[in-house]
Amino acid sequence: MSEYGLGGGFALIVVLFILLIIVGASWSNY
């Protein structure tokens, strides 16, 4: 788990941020 040295919470925030970008891009297409 050395990859997540900043903690699992940080990884979760990154995942949520990426999802927001994907959703935002999808809405922009319409």
PDB file of N, CA and C in Angstrom:
ATOM      1  N   MET A   1       0.848  -1.211   0.000  1.00  0.00           N
ATOM      2  CA  MET A   1       0.000   0.000   0.000  1.00  0.00           C
ATOM      3  C   MET A   1       0.877   1.252   0.000  1.00  0.00           C
ATOM      4  N   SER A   2       2.123   1.114  -0.402  1.00  0.00           N
ATOM      5  CA  SER A   2       3.023   2.276  -0.409  1.00  0.00           C
ATOM      6  C   SER A   2       2.555   3.316  -1.423  1.00  0.00           C
ATOM      7  N   GLU A   3       1.767   2.865  -2.407  1.00  0.00           N
ATOM      8  CA  GLU A   3       1.281   3.791  -3.433  1.00  0.00           C
ATOM      9  C   GLU A   3       0.345   4.833  -2.819  1.00  0.00           C
ATOM     10  N   TYR A   4      -0.378   4.409  -1.766  1.00  0.00           N
ATOM     11  CA  TYR A   4      -1.322   5.325  -1.127  1.00  0.00           C
ATOM     12  C   TYR A   4      -0.738   5.843   0.178  1.00  0.00           C
ATOM     13  N   GLY A   5       0.423   6.458   0.086  1.00  0.00           N
ATOM     14  CA  GLY A   5       1.085   6.963   1.283  1.00  0.00           C
ATOM     15  C   GLY A   5       0.316   8.115   1.912  1.00  0.00           C
ATOM     16  N   LEU A   6      -0.473   8.840   1.089  1.00  0.00           N
ATOM     17  CA  LEU A   6      -1.219   9.980   1.619  1.00  0.00           C
ATOM     18  C   LEU A   6      -2.494   9.524   2.319  1.00  0.00           C
ATOM     19  N   GLY A   7      -2.845   8.253   2.157  1.00  0.00           N
ATOM     20  CA  GLY A   7      -4.035   7.747   2.832  1.00  0.00           C
ATOM     21  C   GLY A   7      -5.142   7.413   1.843  1.00  0.00           C
ATOM     22  N   GLY A   8      -6.014   6.475   2.233  1.00  0.00           N
ATOM     23  CA  GLY A   8      -7.112   6.065   1.352  1.00  0.00           C
ATOM     24  C   GLY A   8      -8.096   7.192   1.106  1.00  0.00           C
ATOM     25  N   GLY A   9      -8.237   8.094   2.090  1.00  0.00           N
ATOM     26  CA  GLY A   9      -9.172   9.212   1.929  1.00  0.00           C
ATOM     27  C   GLY A   9      -8.784  10.083   0.752  1.00  0.00           C
ATOM     28  N   PHE A  10      -7.481  10.301   0.577  1.00  0.00           N
ATOM     29  CA  PHE A  10      -7.005  11.130  -0.534  1.00  0.00           C
ATOM     30  C   PHE A  10      -7.326  10.455  -1.862  1.00  0.00           C
ATOM     31  N   ALA A  11      -7.147   9.129  -1.913  1.00  0.00           N
ATOM     32  CA  ALA A  11      -7.435   8.382  -3.140  1.00  0.00           C
ATOM     33  C   ALA A  11      -8.920   8.485  -3.474  1.00  0.00           C
ATOM     34  N   LEU A  12      -9.767   8.433  -2.437  1.00  0.00           N
ATOM     35  CA  LEU A  12     -11.207   8.529  -2.656  1.00  0.00           C
ATOM     36  C   LEU A  12     -11.566   9.886  -3.236  1.00  0.00           C
ATOM     37  N   ILE A  13     -10.935  10.940  -2.728  1.00  0.00           N
ATOM     38  CA  ILE A  13     -11.198  12.289  -3.232  1.00  0.00           C
ATOM     39  C   ILE A  13     -10.784  12.389  -4.699  1.00  0.00           C
ATOM     40  N   VAL A  14      -9.656  11.784  -5.035  1.00  0.00           N
ATOM     41  CA  VAL A  14      -9.181  11.818  -6.427  1.00  0.00           C
ATOM     42  C   VAL A  14     -10.176  11.122  -7.344  1.00  0.00           C
ATOM     43  N   VAL A  15     -10.692   9.971  -6.901  1.00  0.00           N
ATOM     44  CA  VAL A  15     -11.665   9.225  -7.708  1.00  0.00           C
ATOM     45  C   VAL A  15     -12.925  10.056  -7.913  1.00  0.00           C
ATOM     46  N   LEU A  16     -13.414  10.681  -6.846  1.00  0.00           N
ATOM     47  CA  LEU A  16     -14.615  11.505  -6.959  1.00  0.00           C
ATOM     48  C   LEU A  16     -14.368  12.679  -7.893  1.00  0.00           C
ATOM     49  N   PHE A  17     -13.172  13.266  -7.831  1.00  0.00           N
ATOM     50  CA  PHE A  17     -12.838  14.407  -8.683  1.00  0.00           C
ATOM     51  C   PHE A  17     -12.830  13.988 -10.149  1.00  0.00           C
ATOM     52  N   ILE A  18     -12.285  12.807 -10.423  1.00  0.00           N
ATOM     53  CA  ILE A  18     -12.254  12.302 -11.805  1.00  0.00           C
ATOM     54  C   ILE A  18     -13.674  12.053 -12.298  1.00  0.00           C
ATOM     55  N   LEU A  19     -14.533  11.511 -11.440  1.00  0.00           N
ATOM     56  CA  LEU A  19     -15.921  11.268 -11.827  1.00  0.00           C
ATOM     57  C   LEU A  19     -16.614  12.580 -12.156  1.00  0.00           C
ATOM     58  N   LEU A  20     -16.337  13.637 -11.380  1.00  0.00           N
ATOM     59  CA  LEU A  20     -16.937  14.942 -11.645  1.00  0.00           C
ATOM     60  C   LEU A  20     -16.499  15.454 -13.008  1.00  0.00           C
ATOM     61  N   ILE A  21     -15.237  15.241 -13.359  1.00  0.00           N
ATOM     62  CA  ILE A  21     -14.734  15.691 -14.659  1.00  0.00           C
ATOM     63  C   ILE A  21     -15.436  14.935 -15.787  1.00  0.00           C
ATOM     64  N   ILE A  22     -15.611  13.619 -15.604  1.00  0.00           N
ATOM     65  CA  ILE A  22     -16.265  12.804 -16.634  1.00  0.00           C
ATOM     66  C   ILE A  22     -17.715  13.244 -16.804  1.00  0.00           C
ATOM     67  N   VAL A  23     -18.412  13.449 -15.688  1.00  0.00           N
ATOM     68  CA  VAL A  23     -19.811  13.881 -15.744  1.00  0.00           C
ATOM     69  C   VAL A  23     -19.905  15.254 -16.397  1.00  0.00           C
ATOM     70  N   GLY A  24     -18.998  16.149 -16.035  1.00  0.00           N
ATOM     71  CA  GLY A  24     -19.000  17.497 -16.606  1.00  0.00           C
ATOM     72  C   GLY A  24     -18.766  17.449 -18.106  1.00  0.00           C
ATOM     73  N   ALA A  25     -17.869  16.582 -18.551  1.00  0.00           N
ATOM     74  CA  ALA A  25     -17.590  16.460 -19.982  1.00  0.00           C
ATOM     75  C   ALA A  25     -18.816  15.912 -20.710  1.00  0.00           C
ATOM     76  N   SER A  26     -19.511  14.972 -20.071  1.00  0.00           N
ATOM     77  CA  SER A  26     -20.699  14.394 -20.690  1.00  0.00           C
ATOM     78  C   SER A  26     -21.788  15.450 -20.841  1.00  0.00           C
ATOM     79  N   TRP A  27     -21.966  16.301 -19.820  1.00  0.00           N
ATOM     80  CA  TRP A  27     -22.987  17.339 -19.881  1.00  0.00           C
ATOM     81  C   TRP A  27     -22.631  18.378 -20.937  1.00  0.00           C
ATOM     82  N   SER A  28     -21.327  18.613 -21.131  1.00  0.00           N
ATOM     83  CA  SER A  28     -20.890  19.608 -22.112  1.00  0.00           C
ATOM     84  C   SER A  28     -21.232  19.142 -23.525  1.00  0.00           C
ATOM     85  N   ASN A  29     -21.282  17.834 -23.734  1.00  0.00           N
ATOM     86  CA  ASN A  29     -21.582  17.307 -25.064  1.00  0.00           C
ATOM     87  C   ASN A  29     -23.017  17.618 -25.460  1.00  0.00           C
ATOM     88  N   TYR A  30     -23.877  17.777 -24.465  1.00  0.00           N
ATOM     89  CA  TYR A  30     -25.264  18.085 -24.777  1.00  0.00           C
ATOM     90  C   TYR A  30     -25.444  19.585 -24.769  1.00  0.00           C
TER      91      TYR A  30
END
